[in-house]
Amino acid sequence: MESSIIQIDNYLVSAEIVTEYFCCNYQICKGVCCIIGDSGAPLEEYEAQDLEREFPKYKDWMSSAGQSKIKQTGFFEIDSDGDMVTPLLGNIEECAYSRFEDGNCYCAIERSYCAGKSSFAKPISCRLYPIRVSKLSNGMTALNLHRWPICKDAFTKGKKERLRVFEFLKEPIIFQFGHDFYSVLEAASRTFNAIS
């Protein structure tokens, strides 16, 4: 099952996205995904413009250190792989766009969006997690399930709540790929999960 692929136009989707369960368990992880990692969150080129345009609307939700970082280096960095990513603070792994409330870590951009202040939710790579999107050399785009140890409780919670990865991510999947794409995933889920 793990090696099964669902092809939707130029997209190759791992069947795990429609068979595995996932649901963020924030009470346990407390948003640690925003403060650990080798580099910042991957960004699409258009998102750099979104981040700059919306900055006045979400900057007050950021920490002073985060605001200073953006003023110093800009709205994105290029990591060691040559990818555009969100900036990190100093020598630590904390995203410049993160904020802390009562010991919990949140995305300042998302907090502003949820409060109706900003029209930009947060980077699509964050919204789609645990799906990782990568461009292939043959022109296709791959969607794979990423398994990060810090999210093990999210897989457990998803299974308990009977919520598949694609169902948990319905809104960002439709935002990024469209309703028809999501409908194909629904159909594939019925097929794969009837077999398993």
N, C-alpha and C. Protein backbone atom coordinates (compact mmCIF):
# COMPACT_ATOMS: atom_id res chain seq x y z
N MET A 1 0.83 -1.20 0.00
CA MET A 1 0.00 0.00 0.00
C MET A 1 0.86 1.25 0.00
N GLU A 2 1.96 1.24 0.77
CA GLU A 2 2.78 2.43 0.92
C GLU A 2 3.37 2.89 -0.41
N SER A 3 3.61 1.95 -1.35
CA SER A 3 4.23 2.32 -2.62
C SER A 3 3.19 2.71 -3.67
N SER A 4 1.90 2.61 -3.37
CA SER A 4 0.85 2.92 -4.32
C SER A 4 0.80 4.41 -4.59
N ILE A 5 0.56 4.73 -5.86
CA ILE A 5 0.53 6.13 -6.30
C ILE A 5 -0.81 6.43 -6.97
N ILE A 6 -1.35 7.60 -6.67
CA ILE A 6 -2.57 8.07 -7.33
C ILE A 6 -2.14 9.21 -8.26
N GLN A 7 -2.40 9.06 -9.56
CA GLN A 7 -2.02 10.13 -10.49
C GLN A 7 -3.24 11.01 -10.78
N ILE A 8 -3.08 12.30 -10.57
CA ILE A 8 -4.11 13.28 -10.87
C ILE A 8 -3.46 14.34 -11.76
N ASP A 9 -3.74 14.25 -13.05
CA ASP A 9 -3.08 15.14 -14.02
C ASP A 9 -1.56 15.01 -13.87
N ASN A 10 -0.88 16.11 -13.55
CA ASN A 10 0.59 16.06 -13.42
C ASN A 10 1.05 15.85 -11.98
N TYR A 11 0.15 15.39 -11.14
CA TYR A 11 0.48 15.16 -9.73
C TYR A 11 0.52 13.66 -9.43
N LEU A 12 1.54 13.26 -8.69
CA LEU A 12 1.67 11.89 -8.22
C LEU A 12 1.48 11.92 -6.71
N VAL A 13 0.39 11.34 -6.25
CA VAL A 13 0.01 11.43 -4.84
C VAL A 13 0.20 10.06 -4.17
N SER A 14 0.96 10.05 -3.09
CA SER A 14 1.13 8.83 -2.33
C SER A 14 -0.21 8.38 -1.76
N ALA A 15 -0.51 7.10 -1.89
CA ALA A 15 -1.78 6.57 -1.38
C ALA A 15 -1.89 6.74 0.13
N GLU A 16 -0.77 6.91 0.82
CA GLU A 16 -0.81 7.11 2.27
C GLU A 16 -1.64 8.34 2.64
N ILE A 17 -1.72 9.30 1.74
CA ILE A 17 -2.48 10.52 2.01
C ILE A 17 -3.97 10.24 2.14
N VAL A 18 -4.43 9.17 1.50
CA VAL A 18 -5.85 8.82 1.61
C VAL A 18 -6.10 7.62 2.51
N THR A 19 -5.02 6.96 2.96
CA THR A 19 -5.20 5.79 3.82
C THR A 19 -4.80 6.03 5.27
N GLU A 20 -3.80 6.87 5.49
CA GLU A 20 -3.31 7.12 6.85
C GLU A 20 -4.19 8.15 7.56
N TYR A 21 -4.18 8.07 8.88
CA TYR A 21 -4.94 9.00 9.71
C TYR A 21 -4.02 10.09 10.27
N PHE A 22 -4.59 11.30 10.46
CA PHE A 22 -3.79 12.40 11.01
C PHE A 22 -4.72 13.49 11.53
N CYS A 23 -4.38 14.04 12.68
CA CYS A 23 -5.09 15.19 13.23
C CYS A 23 -4.17 15.85 14.25
N CYS A 24 -3.77 17.10 13.99
CA CYS A 24 -2.86 17.78 14.91
C CYS A 24 -3.34 17.68 16.35
N ASN A 25 -2.41 17.35 17.23
CA ASN A 25 -2.73 17.24 18.65
C ASN A 25 -1.98 18.36 19.37
N TYR A 26 -2.48 19.57 19.22
CA TYR A 26 -1.79 20.75 19.70
C TYR A 26 -1.60 20.77 21.22
N GLN A 27 -2.51 20.14 21.93
CA GLN A 27 -2.40 20.11 23.40
C GLN A 27 -1.13 19.39 23.84
N ILE A 28 -0.65 18.48 22.99
CA ILE A 28 0.57 17.75 23.32
C ILE A 28 1.80 18.40 22.70
N CYS A 29 1.73 18.74 21.40
CA CYS A 29 2.93 19.25 20.72
C CYS A 29 3.19 20.73 21.00
N LYS A 30 2.13 21.50 21.28
CA LYS A 30 2.23 22.93 21.61
C LYS A 30 2.91 23.76 20.52
N GLY A 31 2.78 23.29 19.26
CA GLY A 31 3.30 24.07 18.14
C GLY A 31 4.79 23.97 17.94
N VAL A 32 5.39 22.87 18.38
CA VAL A 32 6.84 22.73 18.31
C VAL A 32 7.35 22.71 16.86
N CYS A 33 6.48 22.41 15.89
CA CYS A 33 6.92 22.38 14.49
C CYS A 33 7.39 23.75 14.02
N CYS A 34 6.98 24.82 14.70
CA CYS A 34 7.40 26.18 14.32
C CYS A 34 8.76 26.55 14.90
N ILE A 35 9.29 25.72 15.78
CA ILE A 35 10.53 26.11 16.46
C ILE A 35 11.64 25.07 16.35
N ILE A 36 11.44 24.00 15.57
CA ILE A 36 12.55 23.08 15.32
C ILE A 36 12.58 22.71 13.84
N GLY A 37 13.76 22.41 13.35
CA GLY A 37 13.93 22.03 11.95
C GLY A 37 15.25 22.54 11.42
N ASP A 38 15.66 21.99 10.28
CA ASP A 38 16.94 22.36 9.68
C ASP A 38 16.92 23.74 9.04
N SER A 39 15.75 24.16 8.58
CA SER A 39 15.62 25.49 7.97
C SER A 39 14.18 25.94 8.14
N GLY A 40 13.87 27.14 7.66
CA GLY A 40 12.52 27.65 7.79
C GLY A 40 11.54 26.88 6.91
N ALA A 41 10.28 27.28 6.99
CA ALA A 41 9.24 26.62 6.18
C ALA A 41 9.43 26.97 4.71
N PRO A 42 9.32 25.97 3.82
CA PRO A 42 9.44 26.25 2.38
C PRO A 42 8.38 27.25 1.91
N LEU A 43 8.78 28.14 1.01
CA LEU A 43 7.89 29.16 0.47
C LEU A 43 7.77 29.03 -1.04
N GLU A 44 6.57 29.29 -1.54
CA GLU A 44 6.38 29.46 -2.98
C GLU A 44 6.81 30.90 -3.31
N GLU A 45 7.21 31.12 -4.56
CA GLU A 45 7.69 32.46 -4.94
C GLU A 45 6.64 33.54 -4.68
N TYR A 46 5.38 33.25 -5.00
CA TYR A 46 4.33 34.25 -4.81
C TYR A 46 4.12 34.59 -3.34
N GLU A 47 4.49 33.67 -2.45
CA GLU A 47 4.26 33.90 -1.02
C GLU A 47 5.17 34.97 -0.45
N ALA A 48 6.34 35.18 -1.05
CA ALA A 48 7.22 36.25 -0.60
C ALA A 48 6.52 37.59 -0.77
N GLN A 49 5.80 37.74 -1.86
CA GLN A 49 5.03 38.97 -2.10
C GLN A 49 3.87 39.08 -1.13
N ASP A 50 3.21 37.96 -0.86
CA ASP A 50 2.10 37.95 0.10
C ASP A 50 2.59 38.36 1.49
N LEU A 51 3.73 37.82 1.89
CA LEU A 51 4.28 38.13 3.20
C LEU A 51 4.60 39.61 3.33
N GLU A 52 5.16 40.18 2.27
CA GLU A 52 5.51 41.61 2.31
C GLU A 52 4.26 42.48 2.28
N ARG A 53 3.30 42.12 1.43
CA ARG A 53 2.08 42.92 1.32
C ARG A 53 1.27 42.92 2.60
N GLU A 54 1.19 41.78 3.25
CA GLU A 54 0.36 41.63 4.45
C GLU A 54 1.08 41.98 5.74
N PHE A 55 2.36 42.27 5.66
CA PHE A 55 3.16 42.52 6.86
C PHE A 55 2.53 43.54 7.81
N PRO A 56 2.03 44.67 7.33
CA PRO A 56 1.43 45.63 8.27
C PRO A 56 0.24 45.06 9.04
N LYS A 57 -0.39 44.01 8.49
CA LYS A 57 -1.58 43.44 9.11
C LYS A 57 -1.26 42.38 10.16
N TYR A 58 -0.09 41.74 10.02
CA TYR A 58 0.24 40.68 10.98
C TYR A 58 1.47 40.99 11.85
N LYS A 59 2.19 42.06 11.56
CA LYS A 59 3.45 42.31 12.28
C LYS A 59 3.26 42.48 13.79
N ASP A 60 2.13 43.07 14.20
CA ASP A 60 1.92 43.27 15.63
C ASP A 60 1.68 41.96 16.38
N TRP A 61 1.42 40.88 15.64
CA TRP A 61 1.26 39.57 16.26
C TRP A 61 2.61 38.88 16.44
N MET A 62 3.65 39.40 15.78
CA MET A 62 4.98 38.80 15.87
C MET A 62 5.72 39.26 17.12
N SER A 63 6.72 38.50 17.50
CA SER A 63 7.58 38.92 18.61
C SER A 63 8.46 40.07 18.12
N SER A 64 9.03 40.82 19.06
CA SER A 64 9.92 41.92 18.67
C SER A 64 11.16 41.37 17.96
N ALA A 65 11.62 40.19 18.39
CA ALA A 65 12.78 39.56 17.74
C ALA A 65 12.44 39.18 16.31
N GLY A 66 11.23 38.68 16.11
CA GLY A 66 10.79 38.31 14.76
C GLY A 66 10.70 39.52 13.86
N GLN A 67 10.12 40.60 14.36
CA GLN A 67 10.01 41.83 13.58
C GLN A 67 11.40 42.36 13.21
N SER A 68 12.31 42.32 14.15
CA SER A 68 13.68 42.80 13.90
C SER A 68 14.35 41.95 12.83
N LYS A 69 14.11 40.64 12.87
CA LYS A 69 14.71 39.74 11.89
C LYS A 69 14.23 40.08 10.48
N ILE A 70 12.93 40.32 10.34
CA ILE A 70 12.36 40.65 9.03
C ILE A 70 12.94 41.97 8.52
N LYS A 71 13.06 42.94 9.40
CA LYS A 71 13.62 44.23 9.00
C LYS A 71 15.09 44.08 8.58
N GLN A 72 15.77 43.14 9.22
CA GLN A 72 17.19 42.94 8.96
C GLN A 72 17.45 42.15 7.68
N THR A 73 16.72 41.06 7.50
CA THR A 73 17.03 40.14 6.39
C THR A 73 15.96 40.07 5.31
N GLY A 74 14.78 40.63 5.55
CA GLY A 74 13.71 40.51 4.58
C GLY A 74 12.73 39.41 4.96
N PHE A 75 11.80 39.15 4.07
CA PHE A 75 10.68 38.25 4.38
C PHE A 75 10.98 36.77 4.13
N PHE A 76 12.14 36.49 3.57
CA PHE A 76 12.51 35.10 3.32
C PHE A 76 14.03 34.98 3.32
N GLU A 77 14.50 33.73 3.38
CA GLU A 77 15.92 33.42 3.25
C GLU A 77 16.07 32.31 2.23
N ILE A 78 17.27 32.10 1.73
CA ILE A 78 17.58 30.97 0.87
C ILE A 78 18.39 29.99 1.71
N ASP A 79 17.89 28.76 1.83
CA ASP A 79 18.58 27.79 2.70
C ASP A 79 19.74 27.11 1.96
N SER A 80 20.37 26.16 2.62
CA SER A 80 21.56 25.49 2.07
C SER A 80 21.25 24.67 0.82
N ASP A 81 19.97 24.34 0.61
CA ASP A 81 19.57 23.60 -0.59
C ASP A 81 19.18 24.54 -1.73
N GLY A 82 19.25 25.84 -1.45
CA GLY A 82 18.88 26.81 -2.48
C GLY A 82 17.40 27.09 -2.54
N ASP A 83 16.66 26.68 -1.50
CA ASP A 83 15.21 26.87 -1.48
C ASP A 83 14.84 28.14 -0.70
N MET A 84 13.76 28.78 -1.12
CA MET A 84 13.23 29.93 -0.42
C MET A 84 12.46 29.45 0.81
N VAL A 85 12.81 29.99 1.98
CA VAL A 85 12.20 29.54 3.24
C VAL A 85 11.94 30.75 4.15
N THR A 86 11.12 30.53 5.17
CA THR A 86 10.90 31.59 6.16
C THR A 86 12.18 31.79 6.97
N PRO A 87 12.46 33.02 7.40
CA PRO A 87 13.68 33.29 8.18
C PRO A 87 13.61 32.65 9.57
N LEU A 88 14.77 32.28 10.07
CA LEU A 88 14.88 31.77 11.44
C LEU A 88 15.58 32.81 12.30
N LEU A 89 15.33 32.77 13.59
CA LEU A 89 15.92 33.73 14.50
C LEU A 89 17.32 33.31 14.94
N GLY A 90 18.31 34.09 14.59
CA GLY A 90 19.68 33.87 15.03
C GLY A 90 20.17 32.47 14.79
N ASN A 91 20.79 31.89 15.81
CA ASN A 91 21.33 30.54 15.70
C ASN A 91 20.35 29.48 16.21
N ILE A 92 19.12 29.90 16.49
CA ILE A 92 18.12 28.94 16.94
C ILE A 92 17.21 28.58 15.77
N GLU A 93 16.35 27.62 15.97
CA GLU A 93 15.53 27.10 14.87
C GLU A 93 14.15 27.72 14.82
N GLU A 94 13.90 28.71 15.65
CA GLU A 94 12.57 29.31 15.73
C GLU A 94 12.25 30.17 14.52
N CYS A 95 11.10 29.93 13.91
CA CYS A 95 10.66 30.72 12.76
C CYS A 95 10.41 32.17 13.20
N ALA A 96 10.84 33.11 12.37
CA ALA A 96 10.66 34.53 12.70
C ALA A 96 9.18 34.91 12.81
N TYR A 97 8.30 34.13 12.17
CA TYR A 97 6.87 34.43 12.19
C TYR A 97 6.13 33.75 13.34
N SER A 98 6.87 33.09 14.22
CA SER A 98 6.20 32.42 15.34
C SER A 98 5.98 33.41 16.49
N ARG A 99 5.06 33.05 17.38
CA ARG A 99 4.79 33.85 18.57
C ARG A 99 4.42 32.89 19.71
N PHE A 100 4.68 33.32 20.92
CA PHE A 100 4.38 32.48 22.08
C PHE A 100 3.28 33.10 22.92
N GLU A 101 2.36 32.24 23.35
CA GLU A 101 1.29 32.64 24.25
C GLU A 101 1.14 31.54 25.30
N ASP A 102 1.35 31.90 26.55
CA ASP A 102 1.21 30.95 27.65
C ASP A 102 2.01 29.67 27.43
N GLY A 103 3.22 29.81 26.92
CA GLY A 103 4.09 28.65 26.71
C GLY A 103 3.80 27.87 25.45
N ASN A 104 2.81 28.29 24.69
CA ASN A 104 2.48 27.62 23.43
C ASN A 104 2.99 28.45 22.25
N CYS A 105 3.39 27.78 21.18
CA CYS A 105 3.89 28.47 20.00
C CYS A 105 2.82 28.49 18.92
N TYR A 106 2.60 29.67 18.36
CA TYR A 106 1.62 29.84 17.29
C TYR A 106 2.27 30.55 16.11
N CYS A 107 1.63 30.51 14.98
CA CYS A 107 2.06 31.28 13.82
C CYS A 107 1.39 32.66 13.90
N ALA A 108 2.21 33.71 13.93
CA ALA A 108 1.67 35.06 14.02
C ALA A 108 0.81 35.40 12.81
N ILE A 109 1.21 34.90 11.64
CA ILE A 109 0.45 35.16 10.42
C ILE A 109 -0.94 34.53 10.53
N GLU A 110 -0.97 33.29 10.99
CA GLU A 110 -2.24 32.58 11.12
C GLU A 110 -3.13 33.21 12.19
N ARG A 111 -2.54 33.68 13.28
CA ARG A 111 -3.33 34.33 14.32
C ARG A 111 -4.00 35.58 13.77
N SER A 112 -3.27 36.34 12.97
CA SER A 112 -3.82 37.54 12.35
C SER A 112 -4.93 37.18 11.37
N TYR A 113 -4.70 36.12 10.59
CA TYR A 113 -5.70 35.66 9.61
C TYR A 113 -6.99 35.22 10.32
N CYS A 114 -6.85 34.43 11.38
CA CYS A 114 -8.02 33.93 12.11
C CYS A 114 -8.79 35.06 12.80
N ALA A 115 -8.08 36.15 13.09
CA ALA A 115 -8.72 37.31 13.72
C ALA A 115 -9.34 38.23 12.67
N GLY A 116 -9.24 37.85 11.40
CA GLY A 116 -9.82 38.65 10.33
C GLY A 116 -9.01 39.87 9.95
N LYS A 117 -7.75 39.92 10.36
CA LYS A 117 -6.91 41.08 10.08
C LYS A 117 -6.14 40.95 8.76
N SER A 118 -5.81 39.72 8.40
CA SER A 118 -4.98 39.48 7.21
C SER A 118 -5.67 38.52 6.27
N SER A 119 -5.39 38.64 4.98
CA SER A 119 -5.98 37.74 3.98
C SER A 119 -5.06 36.56 3.65
N PHE A 120 -3.86 36.58 4.20
CA PHE A 120 -2.89 35.51 3.95
C PHE A 120 -2.85 34.60 5.16
N ALA A 121 -3.21 33.33 4.99
CA ALA A 121 -3.34 32.41 6.13
C ALA A 121 -2.00 32.06 6.75
N LYS A 122 -1.09 31.56 5.96
CA LYS A 122 0.30 31.23 6.31
C LYS A 122 0.85 30.45 5.12
N PRO A 123 2.15 30.19 5.06
CA PRO A 123 2.71 29.47 3.90
C PRO A 123 1.99 28.15 3.65
N ILE A 124 1.79 27.84 2.38
CA ILE A 124 1.05 26.63 2.02
C ILE A 124 1.78 25.37 2.49
N SER A 125 3.10 25.42 2.58
CA SER A 125 3.83 24.24 3.07
C SER A 125 3.46 23.93 4.52
N CYS A 126 3.17 24.96 5.30
CA CYS A 126 2.72 24.77 6.68
C CYS A 126 1.27 24.29 6.71
N ARG A 127 0.46 24.90 5.88
CA ARG A 127 -0.97 24.54 5.86
C ARG A 127 -1.19 23.09 5.42
N LEU A 128 -0.34 22.60 4.52
CA LEU A 128 -0.50 21.26 3.97
C LEU A 128 0.17 20.16 4.81
N TYR A 129 0.93 20.55 5.82
CA TYR A 129 1.65 19.52 6.58
C TYR A 129 0.67 18.54 7.23
N PRO A 130 0.90 17.21 7.16
CA PRO A 130 2.13 16.48 6.87
C PRO A 130 2.36 16.11 5.41
N ILE A 131 1.66 16.73 4.48
CA ILE A 131 1.95 16.50 3.06
C ILE A 131 3.14 17.38 2.68
N ARG A 132 4.11 16.76 2.01
CA ARG A 132 5.24 17.48 1.46
C ARG A 132 5.13 17.44 -0.07
N VAL A 133 5.25 18.61 -0.67
CA VAL A 133 5.13 18.74 -2.13
C VAL A 133 6.51 18.95 -2.70
N SER A 134 6.86 18.18 -3.74
CA SER A 134 8.17 18.34 -4.37
C SER A 134 8.04 18.23 -5.89
N LYS A 135 8.83 19.04 -6.58
CA LYS A 135 8.87 19.02 -8.04
C LYS A 135 9.83 17.93 -8.48
N LEU A 136 9.42 17.14 -9.46
CA LEU A 136 10.25 16.06 -9.97
C LEU A 136 10.93 16.49 -11.28
N SER A 137 12.03 15.84 -11.62
CA SER A 137 12.79 16.21 -12.81
C SER A 137 12.02 15.98 -14.11
N ASN A 138 11.00 15.11 -14.06
CA ASN A 138 10.21 14.82 -15.26
C ASN A 138 9.05 15.80 -15.45
N GLY A 139 9.00 16.84 -14.61
CA GLY A 139 7.94 17.84 -14.73
C GLY A 139 6.72 17.55 -13.89
N MET A 140 6.68 16.37 -13.29
CA MET A 140 5.56 16.02 -12.42
C MET A 140 5.78 16.62 -11.03
N THR A 141 4.73 16.63 -10.23
CA THR A 141 4.81 17.10 -8.85
C THR A 141 4.37 15.97 -7.93
N ALA A 142 5.17 15.68 -6.92
CA ALA A 142 4.87 14.59 -5.99
C ALA A 142 4.32 15.12 -4.68
N LEU A 143 3.30 14.44 -4.17
CA LEU A 143 2.75 14.73 -2.85
C LEU A 143 2.95 13.50 -1.99
N ASN A 144 3.79 13.62 -0.97
CA ASN A 144 4.12 12.49 -0.11
C ASN A 144 3.79 12.81 1.34
N LEU A 145 3.59 11.76 2.10
CA LEU A 145 3.32 11.90 3.53
C LEU A 145 4.65 11.97 4.27
N HIS A 146 4.82 13.00 5.07
CA HIS A 146 6.03 13.16 5.86
C HIS A 146 5.76 12.70 7.28
N ARG A 147 6.64 11.88 7.80
CA ARG A 147 6.48 11.37 9.17
C ARG A 147 7.57 11.97 10.05
N TRP A 148 7.18 12.92 10.86
CA TRP A 148 8.09 13.62 11.76
C TRP A 148 7.81 13.12 13.16
N PRO A 149 8.83 12.65 13.89
CA PRO A 149 8.59 12.09 15.23
C PRO A 149 7.79 13.01 16.15
N ILE A 150 7.97 14.33 16.00
CA ILE A 150 7.23 15.24 16.89
C ILE A 150 5.73 15.20 16.64
N CYS A 151 5.32 14.60 15.50
CA CYS A 151 3.89 14.54 15.15
C CYS A 151 3.29 13.15 15.39
N LYS A 152 4.01 12.29 16.09
CA LYS A 152 3.48 10.93 16.27
C LYS A 152 2.12 10.93 16.96
N ASP A 153 1.90 11.87 17.86
CA ASP A 153 0.61 11.94 18.55
C ASP A 153 -0.51 12.37 17.62
N ALA A 154 -0.16 13.10 16.55
CA ALA A 154 -1.17 13.52 15.57
C ALA A 154 -1.68 12.32 14.78
N PHE A 155 -0.79 11.37 14.49
CA PHE A 155 -1.22 10.15 13.80
C PHE A 155 -2.12 9.31 14.71
N THR A 156 -1.78 9.28 15.99
CA THR A 156 -2.60 8.55 16.97
C THR A 156 -3.98 9.20 17.11
N LYS A 157 -3.99 10.51 17.23
CA LYS A 157 -5.26 11.23 17.39
C LYS A 157 -6.12 11.08 16.13
N GLY A 158 -5.50 11.16 14.96
CA GLY A 158 -6.23 10.99 13.71
C GLY A 158 -6.90 9.63 13.63
N LYS A 159 -6.18 8.60 14.05
CA LYS A 159 -6.74 7.25 14.03
C LYS A 159 -7.91 7.13 15.01
N LYS A 160 -7.75 7.74 16.17
CA LYS A 160 -8.81 7.71 17.17
C LYS A 160 -10.07 8.41 16.66
N GLU A 161 -9.87 9.52 15.95
CA GLU A 161 -11.00 10.30 15.44
C GLU A 161 -11.44 9.87 14.04
N ARG A 162 -10.76 8.87 13.48
CA ARG A 162 -11.09 8.32 12.15
C ARG A 162 -11.02 9.42 11.08
N LEU A 163 -9.96 10.22 11.14
CA LEU A 163 -9.79 11.34 10.23
C LEU A 163 -8.55 11.09 9.37
N ARG A 164 -8.76 10.89 8.09
CA ARG A 164 -7.64 10.64 7.16
C ARG A 164 -6.85 11.93 6.92
N VAL A 165 -5.62 11.77 6.47
CA VAL A 165 -4.75 12.93 6.21
C VAL A 165 -5.45 13.93 5.29
N PHE A 166 -5.98 13.46 4.16
CA PHE A 166 -6.59 14.38 3.20
C PHE A 166 -7.84 15.05 3.76
N GLU A 167 -8.55 14.36 4.64
CA GLU A 167 -9.74 14.95 5.25
C GLU A 167 -9.35 16.05 6.23
N PHE A 168 -8.31 15.81 7.01
CA PHE A 168 -7.82 16.81 7.94
C PHE A 168 -7.36 18.07 7.19
N LEU A 169 -6.84 17.86 5.99
CA LEU A 169 -6.28 18.96 5.20
C LEU A 169 -7.21 19.42 4.07
N LYS A 170 -8.50 19.17 4.21
CA LYS A 170 -9.43 19.48 3.13
C LYS A 170 -9.33 20.93 2.66
N GLU A 171 -9.35 21.88 3.58
CA GLU A 171 -9.35 23.29 3.19
C GLU A 171 -8.09 23.69 2.42
N PRO A 172 -6.88 23.41 2.95
CA PRO A 172 -5.69 23.79 2.17
C PRO A 172 -5.52 23.01 0.87
N ILE A 173 -5.96 21.75 0.83
CA ILE A 173 -5.87 20.99 -0.42
C ILE A 173 -6.74 21.64 -1.48
N ILE A 174 -7.96 22.00 -1.14
CA ILE A 174 -8.85 22.66 -2.10
C ILE A 174 -8.30 24.02 -2.49
N PHE A 175 -7.75 24.74 -1.52
CA PHE A 175 -7.15 26.05 -1.81
C PHE A 175 -6.04 25.93 -2.83
N GLN A 176 -5.17 24.93 -2.66
CA GLN A 176 -3.99 24.81 -3.51
C GLN A 176 -4.24 24.06 -4.81
N PHE A 177 -5.09 23.04 -4.78
CA PHE A 177 -5.24 22.16 -5.93
C PHE A 177 -6.65 22.14 -6.54
N GLY A 178 -7.64 22.64 -5.83
CA GLY A 178 -8.99 22.72 -6.37
C GLY A 178 -9.93 21.64 -5.88
N HIS A 179 -11.23 21.89 -6.08
CA HIS A 179 -12.27 20.96 -5.64
C HIS A 179 -12.21 19.63 -6.38
N ASP A 180 -11.94 19.66 -7.69
CA ASP A 180 -11.89 18.41 -8.46
C ASP A 180 -10.78 17.50 -7.95
N PHE A 181 -9.65 18.09 -7.62
CA PHE A 181 -8.52 17.33 -7.08
C PHE A 181 -8.94 16.62 -5.79
N TYR A 182 -9.61 17.36 -4.92
CA TYR A 182 -10.05 16.78 -3.65
C TYR A 182 -11.07 15.66 -3.88
N SER A 183 -11.94 15.84 -4.87
CA SER A 183 -12.94 14.81 -5.17
C SER A 183 -12.29 13.52 -5.62
N VAL A 184 -11.20 13.63 -6.38
CA VAL A 184 -10.46 12.43 -6.80
C VAL A 184 -9.86 11.73 -5.58
N LEU A 185 -9.35 12.51 -4.63
CA LEU A 185 -8.81 11.91 -3.41
C LEU A 185 -9.90 11.19 -2.62
N GLU A 186 -11.08 11.78 -2.56
CA GLU A 186 -12.20 11.13 -1.87
C GLU A 186 -12.53 9.78 -2.51
N ALA A 187 -12.58 9.77 -3.85
CA ALA A 187 -12.88 8.53 -4.57
C ALA A 187 -11.78 7.50 -4.36
N ALA A 188 -10.53 7.96 -4.39
CA ALA A 188 -9.40 7.05 -4.18
C ALA A 188 -9.44 6.48 -2.77
N SER A 189 -9.82 7.29 -1.80
CA SER A 189 -9.90 6.82 -0.43
C SER A 189 -10.92 5.70 -0.29
N ARG A 190 -12.06 5.88 -0.93
CA ARG A 190 -13.09 4.82 -0.88
C ARG A 190 -12.55 3.53 -1.48
N THR A 191 -11.81 3.65 -2.59
CA THR A 191 -11.28 2.47 -3.27
C THR A 191 -10.20 1.78 -2.43
N PHE A 192 -9.21 2.56 -2.01
CA PHE A 192 -8.09 1.97 -1.27
C PHE A 192 -8.54 1.42 0.08
N ASN A 193 -9.41 2.12 0.77
CA ASN A 193 -9.79 1.71 2.11
C ASN A 193 -10.83 0.58 2.10
N ALA A 194 -11.46 0.35 0.95
CA ALA A 194 -12.34 -0.82 0.81
C ALA A 194 -11.52 -2.08 0.64
N ILE A 195 -10.31 -1.91 0.07
CA ILE A 195 -9.41 -3.06 -0.17
C ILE A 195 -8.71 -3.45 1.12
N SER A 196 -8.28 -2.43 1.88
CA SER A 196 -7.45 -2.69 3.08
C SER A 196 -8.24 -3.33 4.21
